[in-house]
Protein backbone atom coordinates (compact mmCIF):
# COMPACT_ATOMS: atom_id res chain seq x y z
CA MET A 1 5.76 -6.22 -16.30
CA SER A 2 3.29 -4.65 -18.73
CA ASN A 3 2.30 -4.39 -22.32
CA VAL A 4 2.45 -0.85 -23.61
CA LEU A 5 0.84 0.72 -26.65
CA ALA A 6 2.55 3.93 -27.77
CA VAL A 7 0.92 6.11 -30.42
CA GLU A 8 1.69 9.82 -30.78
CA GLY A 9 2.55 10.41 -27.13
CA ILE A 10 -0.02 7.94 -25.76
CA GLU A 11 0.78 4.89 -23.63
CA LEU A 12 -1.96 2.45 -22.69
CA ASN A 13 -1.88 -0.88 -20.90
CA SER A 14 -4.50 -3.20 -19.49
CA LYS A 15 -4.52 -5.88 -16.81
CA VAL A 16 -7.17 -8.43 -15.87
CA SER A 17 -6.89 -10.40 -12.64
CA LEU A 18 -8.69 -13.01 -10.58
CA ASN A 19 -8.38 -12.65 -6.80
CA GLY A 20 -9.52 -14.70 -3.86
CA SER A 21 -9.31 -14.22 -0.08
CA HIS A 22 -10.03 -16.38 2.93
CA VAL A 23 -10.10 -14.91 6.43
CA GLY A 24 -10.46 -17.13 9.46
CA GLY A 25 -10.89 -15.86 13.03
CA LYS A 26 -13.25 -15.87 16.01
CA LEU A 27 -14.61 -12.38 15.28
CA ASN A 28 -14.15 -12.10 11.53
CA GLU A 29 -14.65 -14.61 8.73
CA ALA A 30 -14.71 -13.98 4.99
CA ARG A 31 -14.51 -15.84 1.72
CA THR A 32 -14.41 -13.73 -1.41
CA PHE A 33 -13.57 -14.23 -5.07
CA GLY A 34 -13.55 -11.62 -7.78
CA LEU A 35 -12.66 -10.31 -11.19
CA ASN A 36 -10.64 -7.13 -11.52
CA SER A 37 -10.01 -5.15 -14.72
CA GLN A 38 -7.58 -2.21 -14.87
CA LEU A 39 -6.55 0.41 -17.40
CA ASN A 40 -3.45 2.59 -17.17
CA PHE A 41 -3.30 5.59 -19.53
CA ASN A 42 -0.46 8.07 -20.07
CA GLN A 43 -0.75 11.10 -22.33
CA TYR A 44 2.46 13.01 -23.03
CA ILE A 45 1.35 16.58 -23.73
CA ASN A 46 4.96 17.59 -24.35
CA GLU A 47 8.39 16.60 -23.08
CA LYS A 48 7.71 18.24 -19.73
CA LEU A 49 4.03 17.47 -19.04
CA LYS A 50 2.32 14.08 -18.70
CA ILE A 51 -1.20 13.02 -17.65
CA ASN A 52 -1.53 9.69 -15.84
CA LEU A 53 -4.95 8.06 -15.37
CA ALA A 54 -5.38 4.59 -13.88
CA GLY A 55 -8.44 2.81 -12.56
CA GLY A 56 -10.60 -0.22 -12.93
CA LEU A 57 -13.70 -2.26 -12.20
CA SER A 58 -13.97 -4.76 -9.36
CA LEU A 59 -16.65 -7.48 -9.32
CA GLU A 60 -16.64 -9.75 -6.27
CA THR A 61 -18.81 -12.43 -4.74
CA GLY A 62 -18.66 -14.24 -1.42
CA ASN A 63 -19.55 -13.60 2.20
CA SER A 64 -18.16 -11.66 5.14
CA GLU A 65 -19.26 -12.09 8.75
CA THR A 66 -17.98 -9.80 11.46
CA VAL A 67 -18.97 -9.31 15.10
CA TYR A 68 -17.66 -5.73 15.29
CA GLY A 69 -16.93 -3.15 12.63
CA ALA A 70 -17.66 -2.88 8.95
CA GLY A 71 -15.87 -5.97 7.68
CA THR A 72 -13.04 -4.82 5.44
CA PHE A 73 -13.11 -8.04 3.39
CA LYS A 74 -16.76 -7.81 2.38
CA PRO A 75 -17.31 -8.28 -1.39
CA THR A 76 -17.53 -5.08 -3.45
CA ASN A 77 -18.78 -4.30 -6.93
CA SER A 78 -17.63 -0.89 -8.04
CA LEU A 79 -15.40 1.30 -10.13
CA TYR A 80 -12.23 2.44 -8.40
CA LEU A 81 -9.43 4.92 -8.98
CA ILE A 82 -5.69 4.19 -8.76
CA ASN A 83 -4.15 7.43 -10.05
CA ALA A 84 -5.41 10.61 -11.72
CA LYS A 85 -2.63 13.15 -11.80
CA ALA A 86 -0.72 15.63 -13.91
CA ILE A 87 3.08 15.27 -13.79
CA TYR A 88 5.18 18.29 -14.74
CA SER A 89 8.99 18.42 -14.99
CA PRO A 90 9.96 22.06 -15.52
CA PHE A 91 13.64 21.28 -14.94
CA LYS A 92 15.84 18.21 -15.17
CA ARG A 93 15.94 17.59 -11.41
CA VAL A 94 12.41 18.71 -10.50
CA THR A 95 9.13 16.75 -10.83
CA LEU A 96 5.77 18.13 -9.72
CA ALA A 97 2.52 16.16 -9.49
CA ALA A 98 -1.04 17.15 -8.61
CA GLY A 99 -4.29 15.20 -8.45
CA ALA A 100 -5.16 11.81 -6.96
CA ILE A 101 -1.78 10.36 -5.94
CA ASN A 102 -1.58 6.68 -5.00
CA GLN A 103 0.22 6.01 -1.72
CA ASN A 104 1.84 2.75 -2.86
CA TYR A 105 5.08 4.70 -3.29
CA GLN A 106 5.29 4.74 0.53
CA LYS A 107 6.19 1.01 0.28
CA ASN A 108 4.66 0.38 3.68
CA PRO A 109 1.12 -1.10 3.77
CA LEU A 110 1.26 -1.27 7.57
CA PHE A 111 1.35 2.54 7.55
CA ILE A 112 -0.80 3.40 4.50
CA THR A 113 -2.31 0.91 2.10
CA SER A 114 -2.26 1.39 -1.67
CA THR A 115 -4.91 4.08 -2.14
CA PRO A 116 -5.12 7.51 -3.82
CA PHE A 117 -5.15 10.76 -1.83
CA ILE A 118 -5.94 14.11 -3.44
CA GLY A 119 -2.94 16.37 -3.13
CA ALA A 120 0.33 17.68 -4.51
CA GLN A 121 3.80 16.17 -4.57
CA GLU A 122 7.19 17.73 -5.29
CA VAL A 123 10.31 15.65 -5.96
CA PHE A 124 13.79 17.16 -6.24
CA SER A 125 16.52 14.75 -7.35
CA TYR A 126 20.28 14.85 -7.76
CA LYS A 127 22.42 12.12 -9.31
CA ILE A 128 26.06 11.35 -8.46
CA SER A 129 27.59 8.47 -10.42
CA ASN A 130 25.34 5.44 -9.67
CA TRP A 131 23.62 7.17 -6.77
CA THR A 132 20.40 9.21 -6.80
CA ILE A 133 19.27 11.39 -3.90
CA GLU A 134 15.65 12.58 -3.80
CA LEU A 135 13.76 15.03 -1.61
CA ASP A 136 10.07 14.06 -1.73
CA LEU A 137 7.36 16.37 -0.34
CA LEU A 138 3.65 15.43 -0.12
CA GLN A 139 0.62 17.48 0.94
CA SER A 140 -2.70 15.63 0.72
CA ILE A 141 -6.26 15.04 1.92
CA PRO A 142 -6.48 11.41 3.17
CA SER A 143 -9.93 10.48 1.96
CA ASN A 144 -11.47 8.77 -1.04
CA HIS A 145 -14.57 6.87 -2.15
CA THR A 146 -12.85 3.47 -2.04
CA LEU A 147 -12.05 3.73 1.67
CA SER A 148 -15.51 5.02 2.54
CA LYS A 149 -17.21 2.27 0.51
CA ARG A 150 -15.05 -0.41 2.10
CA LEU A 151 -15.75 0.64 5.69
CA GLY A 152 -19.19 2.21 5.36
CA SER A 153 -20.33 5.82 5.22
CA VAL A 154 -17.41 7.74 6.73
CA ASN A 155 -17.23 11.52 6.97
CA GLU A 156 -13.52 12.26 6.78
CA GLY A 157 -14.00 15.98 7.32
CA SER A 158 -11.05 18.21 6.53
CA ALA A 159 -8.27 15.77 7.43
CA LYS A 160 -4.73 16.47 6.19
CA PHE A 161 -1.71 14.24 5.63
CA TYR A 162 1.84 15.51 5.13
CA ASN A 163 4.99 13.51 4.45
CA GLU A 164 8.52 14.75 3.69
CA LYS A 165 11.14 12.16 2.74
CA ILE A 166 14.75 11.85 1.68
CA ARG A 167 15.36 8.82 -0.54
CA VAL A 168 18.70 7.33 -1.61
CA LYS A 169 19.02 4.91 -4.54
CA GLY A 170 22.19 3.10 -5.57
CA GLU A 171 22.53 0.64 -8.44
CA GLY A 172 25.54 -1.65 -8.89
CA ASN A 173 26.40 -4.91 -10.63
CA VAL A 174 26.43 -6.82 -7.33
CA LEU A 175 24.32 -4.75 -4.93
CA SER A 176 21.51 -2.23 -5.23
CA VAL A 177 20.04 -0.12 -2.42
CA ASN A 178 16.79 1.82 -2.14
CA ALA A 179 16.14 3.50 1.21
CA SER A 180 14.22 6.44 2.63
CA ILE A 181 13.59 8.28 5.89
CA GLY A 182 10.88 10.86 6.38
CA HIS A 183 8.64 12.84 8.70
CA PHE A 184 4.83 12.50 8.62
CA ALA A 185 1.86 14.23 10.23
CA PHE A 186 -1.91 13.69 10.22
CA ASP A 187 -4.14 16.61 11.17
CA GLN A 188 -7.88 17.14 11.82
CA LEU A 189 -8.88 13.47 11.71
CA SER A 190 -12.64 13.19 12.07
CA SER A 191 -14.76 11.48 14.71
CA SER A 192 -16.03 8.89 12.23
CA VAL A 193 -12.49 7.93 11.18
CA ALA A 194 -11.65 7.58 14.89
CA TYR A 195 -14.71 5.35 15.44
CA GLU A 196 -13.81 2.99 12.58
CA SER A 197 -10.17 2.96 13.72
CA ARG A 198 -11.19 1.93 17.25
CA LEU A 199 -12.67 -1.27 15.78
CA LEU A 200 -9.42 -1.87 13.86
CA GLY A 201 -7.00 -1.50 16.78
CA ASN A 202 -6.40 2.18 17.67
CA SER A 203 -6.81 3.75 21.13
CA VAL A 204 -9.93 5.91 20.88
CA SER A 205 -12.15 7.60 23.48
CA GLY A 206 -15.89 8.09 23.07
CA ILE A 207 -19.19 6.29 23.52
CA GLY A 208 -20.84 4.40 20.69
CA ASN A 209 -20.35 5.95 17.27
CA ILE A 210 -20.44 9.60 18.35
CA ASN A 211 -17.88 11.99 19.84
CA ASN A 212 -14.99 9.64 19.16
CA LYS A 213 -11.47 11.03 19.43
CA PHE A 214 -8.03 9.49 19.01
CA LYS A 215 -6.18 9.36 22.33
CA TYR A 216 -2.92 10.23 20.60
CA SER A 217 -1.95 12.45 17.67
CA PHE A 218 -0.14 10.96 14.68
CA ILE A 219 3.12 12.80 14.06
CA GLY A 220 6.40 10.96 13.60
CA TRP A 221 8.92 9.28 11.34
CA ASN A 222 8.72 6.63 8.63
CA GLY A 223 10.92 4.94 6.06
CA ASP A 224 11.78 1.85 4.05
CA PHE A 225 14.87 -0.11 3.02
CA ALA A 226 15.56 -2.62 0.24
CA LEU A 227 18.88 -4.35 -0.47
CA ASP A 228 19.33 -6.63 -3.50
CA TYR A 229 22.26 -9.01 -3.98
CA LYS A 230 22.64 -9.97 -7.65
CA ASN A 231 25.99 -11.78 -7.92
CA LEU A 232 24.48 -15.24 -8.41
CA PRO A 233 23.55 -16.23 -12.02
CA GLY A 234 19.81 -15.76 -12.58
CA THR A 235 19.18 -15.21 -8.86
CA THR A 236 18.44 -12.15 -6.73
CA ILE A 237 18.47 -12.30 -2.93
CA SER A 238 16.77 -9.36 -1.22
CA LEU A 239 16.15 -7.93 2.22
CA ASN A 240 13.12 -5.64 2.47
CA SER A 241 11.83 -3.63 5.39
CA ALA A 242 9.57 -0.69 6.22
CA TRP A 243 8.89 1.10 9.49
CA HIS A 244 7.06 4.01 11.12
CA LEU A 245 7.26 5.58 14.58
CA ASN A 246 4.53 7.78 16.07
CA SER A 247 6.30 10.28 18.34
CA LYS A 248 3.03 11.24 20.05
CA ALA A 249 2.19 7.74 21.39
CA PRO A 250 3.77 5.83 24.33
CA SER A 251 6.77 3.59 23.66
CA ASN A 252 4.78 0.35 23.78
CA LYS A 253 2.17 1.63 21.29
CA ASN A 254 4.09 3.73 18.77
CA LEU A 255 6.13 1.41 16.50
CA GLY A 256 5.28 -0.46 13.32
CA TYR A 257 7.61 -2.45 11.08
CA LYS A 258 7.91 -5.35 8.68
CA ILE A 259 11.11 -7.06 7.62
CA GLY A 260 12.04 -10.18 5.74
CA PRO A 261 14.11 -11.81 3.01
CA SER A 262 13.09 -12.91 -0.46
CA ILE A 263 14.72 -14.92 -3.22
CA ALA A 264 13.90 -14.74 -6.92
CA PHE A 265 15.42 -16.97 -9.57
CA GLU A 266 14.89 -17.12 -13.31
CA SER A 267 14.36 -20.36 -15.21
CA GLY A 268 13.47 -20.26 -18.88
CA ASN A 269 10.93 -17.49 -19.32
CA ARG A 270 9.71 -17.58 -15.73
CA ILE A 271 10.79 -15.83 -12.54
CA TYR A 272 10.01 -17.71 -9.31
CA LYS A 273 9.91 -15.76 -6.05
CA ILE A 274 9.53 -16.71 -2.38
CA GLU A 275 9.08 -14.07 0.35
CA LEU A 276 9.10 -14.25 4.15
CA GLU A 277 8.05 -11.47 6.53
CA SER A 278 7.90 -10.78 10.23
CA PHE A 279 5.80 -7.78 11.24
CA GLU A 280 4.49 -5.82 14.19
CA ASN A 281 2.15 -2.83 14.11
CA GLN A 282 1.55 -1.48 17.59
CA SER A 283 -1.83 -0.03 18.50
CA ASP A 284 -1.15 3.67 17.85
CA SER A 285 1.77 3.63 15.44
CA ALA A 286 -0.53 4.46 12.49
CA VAL A 287 -4.13 5.42 11.75
CA ALA A 288 -5.82 2.02 11.49
CA TYR A 289 -8.39 3.28 8.96
CA TYR A 290 -5.60 3.84 6.40
CA SER A 291 -3.51 0.71 7.07
CA SER A 292 -3.74 -2.55 5.15
CA LYS A 293 -6.48 -5.07 5.86
CA ASN A 294 -4.11 -7.82 4.66
CA TYR A 295 -2.08 -7.46 7.87
CA GLY A 296 -5.10 -6.96 10.15
CA HIS A 297 -4.65 -3.15 10.47
CA VAL A 298 -2.98 -2.15 13.81
CA ASN A 299 -2.41 -3.70 17.25
CA ARG A 300 -1.12 -6.73 15.35
CA LYS A 301 1.97 -8.88 15.09
CA GLY A 302 2.68 -11.99 13.09
CA ALA A 303 4.38 -13.51 10.09
CA ALA A 304 3.69 -13.87 6.37
CA ILE A 305 4.88 -16.08 3.53
CA GLY A 306 4.30 -15.58 -0.17
CA ALA A 307 5.16 -17.35 -3.42
CA SER A 308 4.67 -16.12 -6.98
CA VAL A 309 5.55 -16.96 -10.59
CA ASP A 310 6.08 -14.36 -13.28
CA ASP A 311 5.62 -15.86 -16.77
CA ILE A 312 7.38 -13.26 -18.91
CA GLN A 313 6.56 -14.75 -22.30
CA ASN A 314 2.82 -15.10 -21.66
CA GLN A 315 2.66 -12.01 -19.45
CA ILE A 316 0.98 -13.85 -16.61
CA ASN A 317 1.70 -13.45 -12.91
CA TYR A 318 0.19 -15.74 -10.27
CA GLY A 319 0.78 -16.67 -6.66
CA LEU A 320 -0.48 -16.72 -3.09
CA LYS A 321 0.24 -15.18 0.28
CA GLY A 322 -0.57 -16.32 3.79
CA VAL A 323 -0.59 -14.06 6.85
CA ASP A 324 -0.90 -15.24 10.45
CA THR A 325 -1.69 -12.35 12.79
CA LYS A 326 -2.79 -11.86 16.38
CA PRO A 327 -3.50 -8.85 18.66
CA ILE A 328 -0.61 -7.41 20.67
CA ILE A 329 -2.88 -5.97 23.37
CA SER A 330 -6.07 -7.87 24.17
CA SER A 331 -9.08 -6.17 22.55
CA PRO A 332 -12.79 -7.07 22.41
CA PHE A 333 -12.78 -6.00 18.73
CA GLN A 334 -9.86 -8.15 17.54
CA SER A 335 -8.85 -11.81 17.56
CA LYS A 336 -6.24 -14.05 16.03
CA GLU A 337 -6.72 -14.33 12.27
CA ARG A 338 -5.30 -16.20 9.32
CA ILE A 339 -5.56 -14.43 5.96
CA ILE A 340 -4.88 -16.30 2.71
CA SER A 341 -4.90 -14.50 -0.63
CA ILE A 342 -4.48 -15.90 -4.15
CA PHE A 343 -4.15 -14.06 -7.45
CA LEU A 344 -3.82 -14.57 -11.19
CA ARG A 345 -3.01 -11.55 -13.39
CA LYS A 346 -2.68 -11.18 -17.14
CA ASN A 347 -1.58 -8.16 -19.16
CA TYR A 348 -3.00 -7.48 -22.61
CA GLU A 349 -2.22 -5.38 -25.65
CA LEU A 350 -5.34 -3.43 -26.50
CA PHE A 351 -4.75 -3.06 -30.24
């Protein structure tokens, strides 16, 4: 949902949100509240070339107390980047992008949270009736100022992240499907990323904050799946899942997944949605530094419940989500935690 201003090839929308988080655990506690303002700008140079810029300002207050690590929920006050990329479509079935590419398209926060990586992406698509098949190739550098600011001064070095995916989309009157399977690889991850990841659940060797090294490489498979059932008036029932498997880690440390149903129903000008999730993110299934703080990073399992309301007429979206998570393998750096997040978002026309 967004308000869009279109003038001579320009699209511009704005969103303002209020966000709050409460984290309760033996080793980590946090209470934060903040204001977030975003702008999303599209400039159509011609019918084949588009520039997309998106970013915002975050102002937060509160407190964060942690026994180990940098405290990923500590309040921040900074500018941040969402996207900054050029998108070029030289042919009907080919789309090329270069710049800062947000990883939210992975649809798996247990693997990589919503954050921009500098890189290039190539998408080749082919449509048959109501089905679309895509080949998605990504080459990127997994580092940015937002991650470093959140976790402290981190020297990412010359790390690389590659992901190749095949995605299938099908749209029908009763059912719709969106699924992918892909192969990923991280390369040249730095000692400082390894050190921070040790505190967030990964298996890392080294003493103190020097000479840290991941015990296992990160090369494997990932994907997502969404099925929507739409045959009930004003109601959509969905099943959503995402997974990743690190082929270089042992079988009891290499798997991450989340899965759960949701139901959304429309009444008047509002859409009400309830979501349930069960998740597990084993200790070396993903690089903890890049995974979502809202699930406790890695070496975690638990459940989540969320509820939201989308007020279409007033362009307001609000809701909350609760996550209950605990370590899979006992660790001196991790404990059972309960994470509660609330949000209120409003879209605006700028002119």
